[in-house]
Amino acid sequence: MPGIAFVGIGGTLIAFLLFVWGVQRVRAERASIAATLEPVLAGLVAWLWLGESLSPSQIFGGALVLGAVIALYAHTPPQLAE
């Protein structure tokens, strides 16, 4: 039972609070872009640490997400006229 509580609190509440804290420190756009990396990083950790195998389509999907994140970070939004 303590393990279930730890996963529920550590995996959900603490992660959410850290995300909210991070959004307060950086712009929301940047935080949401970085949040899209979560599945890719989870797959990478599962492959490296847990020995999971990734299919070619999963690797391709991860590469697409990484490419989109890089493109979004490189794009500078236009300045609004005041």
C-alpha atoms as a PDB file:
ATOM      1  CA  MET A   1       0.000   0.000   0.000  1.00  0.00           C
ATOM      2  CA  PRO A   2       2.782   2.546   0.720  1.00  0.00           C
ATOM      3  CA  GLY A   3       4.214   1.844  -2.747  1.00  0.00           C
ATOM      4  CA  ILE A   4       0.916   2.643  -4.406  1.00  0.00           C
ATOM      5  CA  ALA A   5       0.623   5.867  -2.418  1.00  0.00           C
ATOM      6  CA  PHE A   6       4.173   6.825  -3.379  1.00  0.00           C
ATOM      7  CA  VAL A   7       3.503   6.236  -7.078  1.00  0.00           C
ATOM      8  CA  GLY A   8       0.270   8.192  -6.881  1.00  0.00           C
ATOM      9  CA  ILE A   9       1.781  11.106  -5.016  1.00  0.00           C
ATOM     10  CA  GLY A  10       5.263  11.086  -6.533  1.00  0.00           C
ATOM     11  CA  GLY A  11       4.200  10.311 -10.063  1.00  0.00           C
ATOM     12  CA  THR A  12       1.243  12.638 -10.194  1.00  0.00           C
ATOM     13  CA  LEU A  13       1.113  15.330  -7.552  1.00  0.00           C
ATOM     14  CA  ILE A  14       4.816  16.112  -7.290  1.00  0.00           C
ATOM     15  CA  ALA A  15       5.276  16.026 -11.071  1.00  0.00           C
ATOM     16  CA  PHE A  16       2.297  18.354 -11.575  1.00  0.00           C
ATOM     17  CA  LEU A  17       3.527  20.774  -8.912  1.00  0.00           C
ATOM     18  CA  LEU A  18       6.983  20.845 -10.481  1.00  0.00           C
ATOM     19  CA  PHE A  19       5.423  21.520 -13.894  1.00  0.00           C
ATOM     20  CA  VAL A  20       3.365  24.406 -12.509  1.00  0.00           C
ATOM     21  CA  TRP A  21       6.459  25.813 -10.766  1.00  0.00           C
ATOM     22  CA  GLY A  22       8.388  25.555 -14.042  1.00  0.00           C
ATOM     23  CA  VAL A  23       5.657  27.350 -15.992  1.00  0.00           C
ATOM     24  CA  GLN A  24       5.873  30.203 -13.507  1.00  0.00           C
ATOM     25  CA  ARG A  25       9.609  30.477 -14.141  1.00  0.00           C
ATOM     26  CA  VAL A  26       9.512  30.342 -17.962  1.00  0.00           C
ATOM     27  CA  ARG A  27       6.937  31.352 -20.540  1.00  0.00           C
ATOM     28  CA  ALA A  28       3.988  28.992 -20.926  1.00  0.00           C
ATOM     29  CA  GLU A  29       4.758  28.439 -24.610  1.00  0.00           C
ATOM     30  CA  ARG A  30       8.228  27.135 -23.828  1.00  0.00           C
ATOM     31  CA  ALA A  31       6.949  24.952 -21.011  1.00  0.00           C
ATOM     32  CA  SER A  32       4.286  23.358 -23.204  1.00  0.00           C
ATOM     33  CA  ILE A  33       6.828  22.678 -25.938  1.00  0.00           C
ATOM     34  CA  ALA A  34       9.160  21.053 -23.427  1.00  0.00           C
ATOM     35  CA  ALA A  35       6.278  18.986 -22.040  1.00  0.00           C
ATOM     36  CA  THR A  36       5.899  17.308 -25.437  1.00  0.00           C
ATOM     37  CA  LEU A  37       9.298  15.721 -24.842  1.00  0.00           C
ATOM     38  CA  GLU A  38       7.916  13.626 -21.973  1.00  0.00           C
ATOM     39  CA  PRO A  39       6.887  10.571 -24.065  1.00  0.00           C
ATOM     40  CA  VAL A  40      10.134  10.637 -26.009  1.00  0.00           C
ATOM     41  CA  LEU A  41      12.222  10.791 -22.845  1.00  0.00           C
ATOM     42  CA  ALA A  42      10.107   8.046 -21.247  1.00  0.00           C
ATOM     43  CA  GLY A  43      10.770   5.824 -24.256  1.00  0.00           C
ATOM     44  CA  LEU A  44      14.483   6.606 -24.141  1.00  0.00           C
ATOM     45  CA  VAL A  45      14.702   5.794 -20.425  1.00  0.00           C
ATOM     46  CA  ALA A  46      12.725   2.573 -20.960  1.00  0.00           C
ATOM     47  CA  TRP A  47      15.112   1.575 -23.737  1.00  0.00           C
ATOM     48  CA  LEU A  48      18.322   2.452 -21.857  1.00  0.00           C
ATOM     49  CA  TRP A  49      17.407   1.526 -18.303  1.00  0.00           C
ATOM     50  CA  LEU A  50      14.761  -1.170 -18.629  1.00  0.00           C
ATOM     51  CA  GLY A  51      15.986  -2.822 -21.812  1.00  0.00           C
ATOM     52  CA  GLU A  52      12.720  -2.274 -23.684  1.00  0.00           C
ATOM     53  CA  SER A  53      12.783  -2.566 -27.445  1.00  0.00           C
ATOM     54  CA  LEU A  54      11.441   0.185 -29.677  1.00  0.00           C
ATOM     55  CA  SER A  55       9.816  -0.473 -33.022  1.00  0.00           C
ATOM     56  CA  PRO A  56      10.936   1.502 -36.073  1.00  0.00           C
ATOM     57  CA  SER A  57       7.659   3.437 -36.033  1.00  0.00           C
ATOM     58  CA  GLN A  58       8.232   4.413 -32.382  1.00  0.00           C
ATOM     59  CA  ILE A  59      11.748   5.603 -33.182  1.00  0.00           C
ATOM     60  CA  PHE A  60      10.421   7.534 -36.196  1.00  0.00           C
ATOM     61  CA  GLY A  61       7.686   9.116 -34.060  1.00  0.00           C
ATOM     62  CA  GLY A  62      10.226  10.135 -31.427  1.00  0.00           C
ATOM     63  CA  ALA A  63      12.414  11.676 -34.115  1.00  0.00           C
ATOM     64  CA  LEU A  64       9.419  13.631 -35.435  1.00  0.00           C
ATOM     65  CA  VAL A  65       8.651  14.959 -31.948  1.00  0.00           C
ATOM     66  CA  LEU A  66      12.290  15.961 -31.430  1.00  0.00           C
ATOM     67  CA  GLY A  67      12.337  17.672 -34.823  1.00  0.00           C
ATOM     68  CA  ALA A  68       9.144  19.570 -34.020  1.00  0.00           C
ATOM     69  CA  VAL A  69      10.505  20.695 -30.645  1.00  0.00           C
ATOM     70  CA  ILE A  70      13.739  21.897 -32.221  1.00  0.00           C
ATOM     71  CA  ALA A  71      11.807  23.749 -34.942  1.00  0.00           C
ATOM     72  CA  LEU A  72       9.507  25.387 -32.391  1.00  0.00           C
ATOM     73  CA  TYR A  73      12.405  26.469 -30.182  1.00  0.00           C
ATOM     74  CA  ALA A  74      14.244  27.906 -33.180  1.00  0.00           C
ATOM     75  CA  HIS A  75      11.164  29.847 -34.338  1.00  0.00           C
ATOM     76  CA  THR A  76      10.944  33.326 -32.888  1.00  0.00           C
ATOM     77  CA  PRO A  77       7.406  34.658 -32.649  1.00  0.00           C
ATOM     78  CA  PRO A  78       6.699  38.030 -34.278  1.00  0.00           C
ATOM     79  CA  GLN A  79       6.623  40.986 -31.944  1.00  0.00           C
ATOM     80  CA  LEU A  80       3.228  42.581 -31.442  1.00  0.00           C
ATOM     81  CA  ALA A  81       2.914  46.237 -32.377  1.00  0.00           C
ATOM     82  CA  GLU A  82       2.177  48.480 -29.435  1.00  0.00           C
END
